[in-house]
Full PDB file with SEQRES, HELIX, SHEET, SSBOND, CRYST1, ORIGX, SCALE, CONECT and MASTER records, all heavy atoms in Angstrom:
SEQRES   1 A   40  ARG ILE GLN ALA HIS ASP ALA HIS LEU ALA HIS TYR ALA          
SEQRES   2 A   40  TYR ASP ALA VAL ARG ALA ILE PRO ASP VAL THR VAL TYR          
SEQRES   3 A   40  GLY PRO ALA ARG GLY ARG THR GLY LEU VAL SER PHE ASN          
SEQRES   4 A   40  VAL                                                          
HELIX    1 AA1 ILE A    2  ARG A   18  1                                  17    
SHEET    1 AA1 2 THR A  24  TYR A  26  0                                        
SHEET    2 AA1 2 SER A  37  ASN A  39 -1                                        
CRYST1    1.000    1.000    1.000  90.00  90.00  90.00 P 1           1          
ORIGX1      1.000000  0.000000  0.000000        0.00000                         
ORIGX2      0.000000  1.000000  0.000000        0.00000                         
ORIGX3      0.000000  0.000000  1.000000        0.00000                         
SCALE1      1.000000  0.000000  0.000000        0.00000                         
SCALE2      0.000000  1.000000  0.000000        0.00000                         
SCALE3      0.000000  0.000000  1.000000        0.00000                         
ATOM      1  N   ARG A   1      46.267  18.025-175.184  1.00  0.00           N  
ATOM      2  CA  ARG A   1      45.267  18.382-174.154  1.00  0.00           C  
ATOM      3  C   ARG A   1      43.856  18.389-174.753  1.00  0.00           C  
ATOM      4  O   ARG A   1      42.914  17.988-174.083  1.00  0.00           O  
ATOM      5  CB  ARG A   1      45.600  19.751-173.547  1.00  0.00           C  
ATOM      6  CG  ARG A   1      46.814  19.672-172.626  1.00  0.00           C  
ATOM      7  CD  ARG A   1      47.097  20.980-171.933  1.00  0.00           C  
ATOM      8  NE  ARG A   1      45.991  21.288-171.021  1.00  0.00           N  
ATOM      9  CZ  ARG A   1      45.765  22.514-170.532  1.00  0.00           C  
ATOM     10  NH1 ARG A   1      46.562  23.509-170.861  1.00  0.00           N  
ATOM     11  NH2 ARG A   1      44.781  22.738-169.715  1.00  0.00           N  
ATOM     12  N   ILE A   2      43.727  18.841-175.991  1.00  0.00           N  
ATOM     13  CA  ILE A   2      42.422  18.823-176.646  1.00  0.00           C  
ATOM     14  C   ILE A   2      41.930  17.384-176.818  1.00  0.00           C  
ATOM     15  O   ILE A   2      40.787  17.070-176.508  1.00  0.00           O  
ATOM     16  CB  ILE A   2      42.471  19.569-178.009  1.00  0.00           C  
ATOM     17  CG1 ILE A   2      42.683  21.056-177.771  1.00  0.00           C  
ATOM     18  CG2 ILE A   2      41.217  19.303-178.816  1.00  0.00           C  
ATOM     19  CD1 ILE A   2      42.964  21.850-179.027  1.00  0.00           C  
ATOM     20  N   GLN A   3      42.823  16.507-177.272  1.00  0.00           N  
ATOM     21  CA  GLN A   3      42.453  15.109-177.434  1.00  0.00           C  
ATOM     22  C   GLN A   3      42.068  14.478-176.099  1.00  0.00           C  
ATOM     23  O   GLN A   3      41.083  13.757-176.015  1.00  0.00           O  
ATOM     24  CB  GLN A   3      43.609  14.323-178.104  1.00  0.00           C  
ATOM     25  CG  GLN A   3      43.217  12.935-178.550  1.00  0.00           C  
ATOM     26  CD  GLN A   3      43.249  11.888-177.432  1.00  0.00           C  
ATOM     27  OE1 GLN A   3      44.025  11.992-176.477  1.00  0.00           O  
ATOM     28  NE2 GLN A   3      42.400  10.895-177.559  1.00  0.00           N  
ATOM     29  N   ALA A   4      42.810  14.769-175.059  1.00  0.00           N  
ATOM     30  CA  ALA A   4      42.480  14.226-173.744  1.00  0.00           C  
ATOM     31  C   ALA A   4      41.159  14.752-173.255  1.00  0.00           C  
ATOM     32  O   ALA A   4      40.353  13.985-172.661  1.00  0.00           O  
ATOM     33  CB  ALA A   4      43.606  14.591-172.744  1.00  0.00           C  
ATOM     34  N   HIS A   5      40.877  16.015-173.481  1.00  0.00           N  
ATOM     35  CA  HIS A   5      39.602  16.620-173.095  1.00  0.00           C  
ATOM     36  C   HIS A   5      38.452  15.926-173.836  1.00  0.00           C  
ATOM     37  O   HIS A   5      37.429  15.541-173.235  1.00  0.00           O  
ATOM     38  CB  HIS A   5      39.619  18.113-173.398  1.00  0.00           C  
ATOM     39  CG  HIS A   5      38.309  18.794-173.159  1.00  0.00           C  
ATOM     40  ND1 HIS A   5      37.859  19.130-171.910  1.00  0.00           N  
ATOM     41  CD2 HIS A   5      37.364  19.231-174.025  1.00  0.00           C  
ATOM     42  CE1 HIS A   5      36.698  19.712-171.997  1.00  0.00           C  
ATOM     43  NE2 HIS A   5      36.355  19.791-173.268  1.00  0.00           N  
ATOM     44  N   ASP A   6      38.595  15.770-175.165  1.00  0.00           N  
ATOM     45  CA  ASP A   6      37.573  15.115-175.975  1.00  0.00           C  
ATOM     46  C   ASP A   6      37.327  13.685-175.500  1.00  0.00           C  
ATOM     47  O   ASP A   6      36.178  13.249-175.383  1.00  0.00           O  
ATOM     48  CB  ASP A   6      37.962  15.086-177.451  1.00  0.00           C  
ATOM     49  CG  ASP A   6      37.997  16.457-178.089  1.00  0.00           C  
ATOM     50  OD1 ASP A   6      37.545  17.431-177.445  1.00  0.00           O  
ATOM     51  OD2 ASP A   6      38.464  16.557-179.219  1.00  0.00           O  
ATOM     52  N   ALA A   7      38.409  12.948-175.252  1.00  0.00           N  
ATOM     53  CA  ALA A   7      38.290  11.580-174.804  1.00  0.00           C  
ATOM     54  C   ALA A   7      37.582  11.489-173.445  1.00  0.00           C  
ATOM     55  O   ALA A   7      36.736  10.637-173.220  1.00  0.00           O  
ATOM     56  CB  ALA A   7      39.662  10.918-174.733  1.00  0.00           C  
ATOM     57  N   HIS A   8      37.949  12.411-172.535  1.00  0.00           N  
ATOM     58  CA  HIS A   8      37.290  12.445-171.230  1.00  0.00           C  
ATOM     59  C   HIS A   8      35.778  12.640-171.383  1.00  0.00           C  
ATOM     60  O   HIS A   8      34.976  11.923-170.785  1.00  0.00           O  
ATOM     61  CB  HIS A   8      37.880  13.525-170.352  1.00  0.00           C  
ATOM     62  CG  HIS A   8      37.063  13.813-169.131  1.00  0.00           C  
ATOM     63  ND1 HIS A   8      37.012  12.947-168.062  1.00  0.00           N  
ATOM     64  CD2 HIS A   8      36.219  14.829-168.840  1.00  0.00           C  
ATOM     65  CE1 HIS A   8      36.169  13.444-167.154  1.00  0.00           C  
ATOM     66  NE2 HIS A   8      35.691  14.566-167.615  1.00  0.00           N  
ATOM     67  N   LEU A   9      35.383  13.627-172.183  1.00  0.00           N  
ATOM     68  CA  LEU A   9      33.943  13.904-172.376  1.00  0.00           C  
ATOM     69  C   LEU A   9      33.242  12.727-173.035  1.00  0.00           C  
ATOM     70  O   LEU A   9      32.113  12.394-172.680  1.00  0.00           O  
ATOM     71  CB  LEU A   9      33.743  15.162-173.182  1.00  0.00           C  
ATOM     72  CG  LEU A   9      33.952  16.470-172.449  1.00  0.00           C  
ATOM     73  CD1 LEU A   9      33.680  17.640-173.370  1.00  0.00           C  
ATOM     74  CD2 LEU A   9      33.074  16.548-171.209  1.00  0.00           C  
ATOM     75  N   ALA A  10      33.895  12.096-174.012  1.00  0.00           N  
ATOM     76  CA  ALA A  10      33.281  10.947-174.676  1.00  0.00           C  
ATOM     77  C   ALA A  10      33.076   9.788-173.692  1.00  0.00           C  
ATOM     78  O   ALA A  10      32.005   9.154-173.690  1.00  0.00           O  
ATOM     79  CB  ALA A  10      34.137  10.501-175.864  1.00  0.00           C  
ATOM     80  N   HIS A  11      34.054   9.527-172.831  1.00  0.00           N  
ATOM     81  CA  HIS A  11      33.881   8.481-171.835  1.00  0.00           C  
ATOM     82  C   HIS A  11      32.814   8.857-170.819  1.00  0.00           C  
ATOM     83  O   HIS A  11      31.996   8.007-170.431  1.00  0.00           O  
ATOM     84  CB  HIS A  11      35.215   8.222-171.115  1.00  0.00           C  
ATOM     85  CG  HIS A  11      36.227   7.569-171.983  1.00  0.00           C  
ATOM     86  ND1 HIS A  11      37.409   8.149-172.316  1.00  0.00           N  
ATOM     87  CD2 HIS A  11      36.218   6.355-172.617  1.00  0.00           C  
ATOM     88  CE1 HIS A  11      38.087   7.344-173.108  1.00  0.00           C  
ATOM     89  NE2 HIS A  11      37.385   6.256-173.319  1.00  0.00           N  
ATOM     90  N   TYR A  12      32.807  10.104-170.411  1.00  0.00           N  
ATOM     91  CA  TYR A  12      31.801  10.600-169.471  1.00  0.00           C  
ATOM     92  C   TYR A  12      30.421  10.432-170.074  1.00  0.00           C  
ATOM     93  O   TYR A  12      29.484   9.955-169.435  1.00  0.00           O  
ATOM     94  CB  TYR A  12      32.099  12.050-169.104  1.00  0.00           C  
ATOM     95  CG  TYR A  12      31.178  12.665-168.097  1.00  0.00           C  
ATOM     96  CD1 TYR A  12      31.319  12.366-166.736  1.00  0.00           C  
ATOM     97  CD2 TYR A  12      30.181  13.540-168.468  1.00  0.00           C  
ATOM     98  CE1 TYR A  12      30.484  12.922-165.801  1.00  0.00           C  
ATOM     99  CE2 TYR A  12      29.341  14.111-167.531  1.00  0.00           C  
ATOM    100  CZ  TYR A  12      29.485  13.802-166.185  1.00  0.00           C  
ATOM    101  OH  TYR A  12      28.648  14.349-165.269  1.00  0.00           O  
ATOM    102  N   ALA A  13      30.270  10.858-171.339  1.00  0.00           N  
ATOM    103  CA  ALA A  13      28.971  10.746-172.038  1.00  0.00           C  
ATOM    104  C   ALA A  13      28.569   9.285-172.229  1.00  0.00           C  
ATOM    105  O   ALA A  13      27.397   8.930-172.042  1.00  0.00           O  
ATOM    106  CB  ALA A  13      29.028  11.470-173.371  1.00  0.00           C  
ATOM    107  N   TYR A  14      29.533   8.448-172.621  1.00  0.00           N  
ATOM    108  CA  TYR A  14      29.231   7.031-172.812  1.00  0.00           C  
ATOM    109  C   TYR A  14      28.610   6.449-171.554  1.00  0.00           C  
ATOM    110  O   TYR A  14      27.559   5.816-171.599  1.00  0.00           O  
ATOM    111  CB  TYR A  14      30.522   6.286-173.168  1.00  0.00           C  
ATOM    112  CG  TYR A  14      30.349   4.798-173.362  1.00  0.00           C  
ATOM    113  CD1 TYR A  14      30.075   4.261-174.603  1.00  0.00           C  
ATOM    114  CD2 TYR A  14      30.448   3.922-172.266  1.00  0.00           C  
ATOM    115  CE1 TYR A  14      29.923   2.889-174.776  1.00  0.00           C  
ATOM    116  CE2 TYR A  14      30.309   2.560-172.427  1.00  0.00           C  
ATOM    117  CZ  TYR A  14      30.042   2.045-173.681  1.00  0.00           C  
ATOM    118  OH  TYR A  14      29.875   0.690-173.839  1.00  0.00           O  
ATOM    119  N   ASP A  15      29.261   6.676-170.415  1.00  0.00           N  
ATOM    120  CA  ASP A  15      28.762   6.141-169.141  1.00  0.00           C  
ATOM    121  C   ASP A  15      27.426   6.740-168.765  1.00  0.00           C  
ATOM    122  O   ASP A  15      26.514   6.035-168.313  1.00  0.00           O  
ATOM    123  CB  ASP A  15      29.774   6.363-168.034  1.00  0.00           C  
ATOM    124  CG  ASP A  15      31.045   5.538-168.210  1.00  0.00           C  
ATOM    125  OD1 ASP A  15      31.020   4.513-168.941  1.00  0.00           O  
ATOM    126  OD2 ASP A  15      32.082   5.923-167.619  1.00  0.00           O  
ATOM    127  N   ALA A  16      27.258   8.048-168.951  1.00  0.00           N  
ATOM    128  CA  ALA A  16      26.033   8.726-168.544  1.00  0.00           C  
ATOM    129  C   ALA A  16      24.840   8.354-169.424  1.00  0.00           C  
ATOM    130  O   ALA A  16      23.737   8.080-168.911  1.00  0.00           O  
ATOM    131  CB  ALA A  16      26.248  10.254-168.584  1.00  0.00           C  
ATOM    132  N   VAL A  17      25.049   8.304-170.722  1.00  0.00           N  
ATOM    133  CA  VAL A  17      23.952   7.952-171.637  1.00  0.00           C  
ATOM    134  C   VAL A  17      23.584   6.476-171.498  1.00  0.00           C  
ATOM    135  O   VAL A  17      22.422   6.100-171.500  1.00  0.00           O  
ATOM    136  CB  VAL A  17      24.330   8.321-173.106  1.00  0.00           C  
ATOM    137  CG1 VAL A  17      23.297   7.802-174.094  1.00  0.00           C  
ATOM    138  CG2 VAL A  17      24.467   9.839-173.239  1.00  0.00           C  
ATOM    139  N   ARG A  18      24.600   5.644-171.357  1.00  0.00           N  
ATOM    140  CA  ARG A  18      24.387   4.204-171.221  1.00  0.00           C  
ATOM    141  C   ARG A  18      23.593   3.859-169.961  1.00  0.00           C  
ATOM    142  O   ARG A  18      22.910   2.857-169.901  1.00  0.00           O  
ATOM    143  CB  ARG A  18      25.716   3.509-171.207  1.00  0.00           C  
ATOM    144  CG  ARG A  18      25.638   2.018-171.309  1.00  0.00           C  
ATOM    145  CD  ARG A  18      27.030   1.453-171.574  1.00  0.00           C  
ATOM    146  NE  ARG A  18      26.972   0.012-171.537  1.00  0.00           N  
ATOM    147  CZ  ARG A  18      27.541  -0.737-170.630  1.00  0.00           C  
ATOM    148  NH1 ARG A  18      28.323  -0.178-169.700  1.00  0.00           N  
ATOM    149  NH2 ARG A  18      27.433  -2.034-170.663  1.00  0.00           N  
ATOM    150  N   ALA A  19      23.682   4.700-168.935  1.00  0.00           N  
ATOM    151  CA  ALA A  19      22.978   4.464-167.675  1.00  0.00           C  
ATOM    152  C   ALA A  19      21.478   4.725-167.785  1.00  0.00           C  
ATOM    153  O   ALA A  19      20.731   4.360-166.873  1.00  0.00           O  
ATOM    154  CB  ALA A  19      23.595   5.312-166.578  1.00  0.00           C  
ATOM    155  N   ILE A  20      21.029   5.350-168.846  1.00  0.00           N  
ATOM    156  CA  ILE A  20      19.617   5.627-169.047  1.00  0.00           C  
ATOM    157  C   ILE A  20      18.929   4.335-169.484  1.00  0.00           C  
ATOM    158  O   ILE A  20      19.350   3.715-170.451  1.00  0.00           O  
ATOM    159  CB  ILE A  20      19.385   6.729-170.108  1.00  0.00           C  
ATOM    160  CG1 ILE A  20      20.101   8.020-169.704  1.00  0.00           C  
ATOM    161  CG2 ILE A  20      17.889   6.971-170.313  1.00  0.00           C  
ATOM    162  CD1 ILE A  20      20.137   9.083-170.808  1.00  0.00           C  
ATOM    163  N   PRO A  21      17.863   3.932-168.799  1.00  0.00           N  
ATOM    164  CA  PRO A  21      17.150   2.704-169.201  1.00  0.00           C  
ATOM    165  C   PRO A  21      16.689   2.787-170.653  1.00  0.00           C  
ATOM    166  O   PRO A  21      16.259   3.844-171.132  1.00  0.00           O  
ATOM    167  CB  PRO A  21      15.974   2.633-168.248  1.00  0.00           C  
ATOM    168  CG  PRO A  21      16.412   3.422-167.048  1.00  0.00           C  
ATOM    169  CD  PRO A  21      17.278   4.525-167.597  1.00  0.00           C  
ATOM    170  N   ASP A  22      16.754   1.649-171.358  1.00  0.00           N  
ATOM    171  CA  ASP A  22      16.304   1.527-172.760  1.00  0.00           C  
ATOM    172  C   ASP A  22      17.126   2.344-173.746  1.00  0.00           C  
ATOM    173  O   ASP A  22      16.635   2.655-174.825  1.00  0.00           O  
ATOM    174  CB  ASP A  22      14.808   1.878-172.901  1.00  0.00           C  
ATOM    175  CG  ASP A  22      13.922   0.934-172.107  1.00  0.00           C  
ATOM    176  OD1 ASP A  22      14.248  -0.267-172.056  1.00  0.00           O  
ATOM    177  OD2 ASP A  22      12.922   1.400-171.546  1.00  0.00           O  
ATOM    178  N   VAL A  23      18.335   2.695-173.392  1.00  0.00           N  
ATOM    179  CA  VAL A  23      19.232   3.377-174.341  1.00  0.00           C  
ATOM    180  C   VAL A  23      20.363   2.423-174.699  1.00  0.00           C  
ATOM    181  O   VAL A  23      20.940   1.770-173.838  1.00  0.00           O  
ATOM    182  CB  VAL A  23      19.807   4.670-173.736  1.00  0.00           C  
ATOM    183  CG1 VAL A  23      20.895   5.259-174.652  1.00  0.00           C  
ATOM    184  CG2 VAL A  23      18.713   5.698-173.536  1.00  0.00           C  
ATOM    185  N   THR A  24      20.608   2.306-176.006  1.00  0.00           N  
ATOM    186  CA  THR A  24      21.712   1.500-176.504  1.00  0.00           C  
ATOM    187  C   THR A  24      22.809   2.432-176.992  1.00  0.00           C  
ATOM    188  O   THR A  24      22.544   3.321-177.810  1.00  0.00           O  
ATOM    189  CB  THR A  24      21.222   0.616-177.674  1.00  0.00           C  
ATOM    190  OG1 THR A  24      20.177  -0.213-177.230  1.00  0.00           O  
ATOM    191  CG2 THR A  24      22.377  -0.227-178.214  1.00  0.00           C  
ATOM    192  N   VAL A  25      24.003   2.263-176.471  1.00  0.00           N  
ATOM    193  CA  VAL A  25      25.150   3.023-176.928  1.00  0.00           C  
ATOM    194  C   VAL A  25      26.011   2.101-177.791  1.00  0.00           C  
ATOM    195  O   VAL A  25      26.247   0.967-177.411  1.00  0.00           O  
ATOM    196  CB  VAL A  25      25.967   3.576-175.742  1.00  0.00           C  
ATOM    197  CG1 VAL A  25      27.167   4.344-176.222  1.00  0.00           C  
ATOM    198  CG2 VAL A  25      25.088   4.467-174.868  1.00  0.00           C  
ATOM    199  N   TYR A  26      26.445   2.596-178.924  1.00  0.00           N  
ATOM    200  CA  TYR A  26      27.194   1.777-179.876  1.00  0.00           C  
ATOM    201  C   TYR A  26      28.689   2.042-179.764  1.00  0.00           C  
ATOM    202  O   TYR A  26      29.108   3.173-179.519  1.00  0.00           O  
ATOM    203  CB  TYR A  26      26.711   2.052-181.307  1.00  0.00           C  
ATOM    204  CG  TYR A  26      25.242   1.741-181.438  1.00  0.00           C  
ATOM    205  CD1 TYR A  26      24.302   2.737-181.360  1.00  0.00           C  
ATOM    206  CD2 TYR A  26      24.824   0.409-181.624  1.00  0.00           C  
ATOM    207  CE1 TYR A  26      22.940   2.459-181.453  1.00  0.00           C  
ATOM    208  CE2 TYR A  26      23.460   0.124-181.710  1.00  0.00           C  
ATOM    209  CZ  TYR A  26      22.541   1.133-181.633  1.00  0.00           C  
ATOM    210  OH  TYR A  26      21.202   0.845-181.710  1.00  0.00           O  
ATOM    211  N   GLY A  27      29.454   0.995-179.935  1.00  0.00           N  
ATOM    212  CA  GLY A  27      30.908   1.117-179.905  1.00  0.00           C  
ATOM    213  C   GLY A  27      31.485   0.725-178.563  1.00  0.00           C  
ATOM    214  O   GLY A  27      30.754   0.535-177.587  1.00  0.00           O  
ATOM    215  N   PRO A  28      32.799   0.600-178.530  1.00  0.00           N  
ATOM    216  CA  PRO A  28      33.461   0.169-177.281  1.00  0.00           C  
ATOM    217  C   PRO A  28      33.462   1.255-176.224  1.00  0.00           C  
ATOM    218  O   PRO A  28      33.374   2.447-176.523  1.00  0.00           O  
ATOM    219  CB  PRO A  28      34.885  -0.138-177.753  1.00  0.00           C  
ATOM    220  CG  PRO A  28      35.080   0.748-178.927  1.00  0.00           C  
ATOM    221  CD  PRO A  28      33.738   0.841-179.602  1.00  0.00           C  
ATOM    222  N   ALA A  29      33.569   0.821-174.981  1.00  0.00           N  
ATOM    223  CA  ALA A  29      33.581   1.781-173.866  1.00  0.00           C  
ATOM    224  C   ALA A  29      34.854   2.573-173.828  1.00  0.00           C  
ATOM    225  O   ALA A  29      34.862   3.760-173.495  1.00  0.00           O  
ATOM    226  CB  ALA A  29      33.404   1.020-172.543  1.00  0.00           C  
ATOM    227  N   ARG A  30      35.961   1.979-174.184  1.00  0.00           N  
ATOM    228  CA  ARG A  30      37.253   2.675-174.079  1.00  0.00           C  
ATOM    229  C   ARG A  30      37.818   2.935-175.478  1.00  0.00           C  
ATOM    230  O   ARG A  30      37.376   2.346-176.448  1.00  0.00           O  
ATOM    231  CB  ARG A  30      38.229   1.852-173.245  1.00  0.00           C  
ATOM    232  CG  ARG A  30      37.738   1.669-171.827  1.00  0.00           C  
ATOM    233  CD  ARG A  30      37.651   2.995-171.085  1.00  0.00           C  
ATOM    234  NE  ARG A  30      36.806   2.897-169.914  1.00  0.00           N  
ATOM    235  CZ  ARG A  30      35.918   3.813-169.565  1.00  0.00           C  
ATOM    236  NH1 ARG A  30      35.735   4.872-170.288  1.00  0.00           N  
ATOM    237  NH2 ARG A  30      35.200   3.662-168.489  1.00  0.00           N  
ATOM    238  N   GLY A  31      38.774   3.815-175.539  1.00  0.00           N  
ATOM    239  CA  GLY A  31      39.390   4.153-176.795  1.00  0.00           C  
ATOM    240  C   GLY A  31      38.565   5.136-177.615  1.00  0.00           C  
ATOM    241  O   GLY A  31      38.744   5.274-178.822  1.00  0.00           O  
ATOM    242  N   ARG A  32      37.661   5.830-176.965  1.00  0.00           N  
ATOM    243  CA  ARG A  32      36.787   6.762-177.654  1.00  0.00           C  
ATOM    244  C   ARG A  32      37.458   8.102-177.879  1.00  0.00           C  
ATOM    245  O   ARG A  32      38.273   8.527-177.080  1.00  0.00           O  
ATOM    246  CB  ARG A  32      35.515   7.018-176.829  1.00  0.00           C  
ATOM    247  CG  ARG A  32      34.651   5.813-176.720  1.00  0.00           C  
ATOM    248  CD  ARG A  32      33.330   6.128-176.046  1.00  0.00           C  
ATOM    249  NE  ARG A  32      32.421   5.068-176.385  1.00  0.00           N  
ATOM    250  CZ  ARG A  32      31.674   5.042-177.479  1.00  0.00           C  
ATOM    251  NH1 ARG A  32      31.672   6.021-178.296  1.00  0.00           N  
ATOM    252  NH2 ARG A  32      30.914   4.020-177.745  1.00  0.00           N  
ATOM    253  N   THR A  33      37.035   8.741-178.950  1.00  0.00           N  
ATOM    254  CA  THR A  33      37.347  10.150-179.107  1.00  0.00           C  
ATOM    255  C   THR A  33      36.063  10.905-178.931  1.00  0.00           C  
ATOM    256  O   THR A  33      35.126  10.390-178.343  1.00  0.00           O  
ATOM    257  CB  THR A  33      37.999  10.406-180.489  1.00  0.00           C  
ATOM    258  OG1 THR A  33      37.160   9.894-181.494  1.00  0.00           O  
ATOM    259  CG2 THR A  33      39.364   9.752-180.574  1.00  0.00           C  
ATOM    260  N   GLY A  34      35.905  12.085-179.444  1.00  0.00           N  
ATOM    261  CA  GLY A  34      34.836  12.984-179.060  1.00  0.00           C  
ATOM    262  C   GLY A  34      33.444  12.716-179.568  1.00  0.00           C  
ATOM    263  O   GLY A  34      32.735  13.672-179.913  1.00  0.00           O  
ATOM    264  N   LEU A  35      32.965  11.481-179.597  1.00  0.00           N  
ATOM    265  CA  LEU A  35      31.570  11.259-179.999  1.00  0.00           C  
ATOM    266  C   LEU A  35      31.011  10.003-179.366  1.00  0.00           C  
ATOM    267  O   LEU A  35      31.737   9.099-178.973  1.00  0.00           O  
ATOM    268  CB  LEU A  35      31.408  11.224-181.507  1.00  0.00           C  
ATOM    269  CG  LEU A  35      32.104  10.125-182.307  1.00  0.00           C  
ATOM    270  CD1 LEU A  35      31.224   8.889-182.413  1.00  0.00           C  
ATOM    271  CD2 LEU A  35      32.433  10.666-183.680  1.00  0.00           C  
ATOM    272  N   VAL A  36      29.651  10.013-179.273  1.00  0.00           N  
ATOM    273  CA  VAL A  36      28.918   8.872-178.758  1.00  0.00           C  
ATOM    274  C   VAL A  36      27.671   8.713-179.625  1.00  0.00           C  
ATOM    275  O   VAL A  36      26.912   9.656-179.834  1.00  0.00           O  
ATOM    276  CB  VAL A  36      28.508   9.088-177.275  1.00  0.00           C  
ATOM    277  CG1 VAL A  36      27.638   7.976-176.797  1.00  0.00           C  
ATOM    278  CG2 VAL A  36      29.738   9.234-176.389  1.00  0.00           C  
ATOM    279  N   SER A  37      27.488   7.495-180.161  1.00  0.00           N  
ATOM    280  CA  SER A  37      26.306   7.184-180.949  1.00  0.00           C  
ATOM    281  C   SER A  37      25.378   6.300-180.140  1.00  0.00           C  
ATOM    282  O   SER A  37      25.836   5.379-179.450  1.00  0.00           O  
ATOM    283  CB  SER A  37      26.709   6.451-182.229  1.00  0.00           C  
ATOM    284  OG  SER A  37      27.441   7.314-183.075  1.00  0.00           O  
ATOM    285  N   PHE A  38      24.082   6.563-180.236  1.00  0.00           N  
ATOM    286  CA  PHE A  38      23.144   5.820-179.404  1.00  0.00           C  
ATOM    287  C   PHE A  38      21.752   5.851-180.026  1.00  0.00           C  
ATOM    288  O   PHE A  38      21.468   6.587-180.958  1.00  0.00           O  
ATOM    289  CB  PHE A  38      23.074   6.412-177.989  1.00  0.00           C  
ATOM    290  CG  PHE A  38      22.632   7.869-177.965  1.00  0.00           C  
ATOM    291  CD1 PHE A  38      21.313   8.209-177.800  1.00  0.00           C  
ATOM    292  CD2 PHE A  38      23.565   8.890-178.081  1.00  0.00           C  
ATOM    293  CE1 PHE A  38      20.896   9.530-177.748  1.00  0.00           C  
ATOM    294  CE2 PHE A  38      23.179  10.214-178.051  1.00  0.00           C  
ATOM    295  CZ  PHE A  38      21.832  10.543-177.882  1.00  0.00           C  
ATOM    296  N   ASN A  39      20.885   5.008-179.471  1.00  0.00           N  
ATOM    297  CA  ASN A  39      19.449   5.013-179.769  1.00  0.00           C  
ATOM    298  C   ASN A  39      18.688   4.903-178.477  1.00  0.00           C  
ATOM    299  O   ASN A  39      19.184   4.300-177.513  1.00  0.00           O  
ATOM    300  CB  ASN A  39      19.067   3.846-180.699  1.00  0.00           C  
ATOM    301  CG  ASN A  39      19.253   4.192-182.149  1.00  0.00           C  
ATOM    302  OD1 ASN A  39      18.937   5.299-182.582  1.00  0.00           O  
ATOM    303  ND2 ASN A  39      19.778   3.249-182.925  1.00  0.00           N  
ATOM    304  N   VAL A  40      17.497   5.459-178.496  1.00  0.00           N  
ATOM    305  CA  VAL A  40      16.585   5.363-177.361  1.00  0.00           C  
ATOM    306  C   VAL A  40      15.491   4.409-177.770  1.00  0.00           C  
ATOM    307  O   VAL A  40      14.796   4.659-178.766  1.00  0.00           O  
ATOM    308  CB  VAL A  40      16.015   6.744-176.980  1.00  0.00           C  
ATOM    309  CG1 VAL A  40      15.074   6.626-175.798  1.00  0.00           C  
ATOM    310  CG2 VAL A  40      17.148   7.718-176.689  1.00  0.00           C  
TER     311      VAL A  40                                                      
MASTER        0    0    0    1    2    0    0    6  310    1    0    4          
END                                                                             
């Protein structure tokens, strides 16, 4: 359940951060665990 929760948040964050103009999110959209790397 912890892993599923982390994966859900990482996917949610990936989509939300990526939707910001001029933000680059690194790594694949799926198969994520609890982190998102990006640059503005």
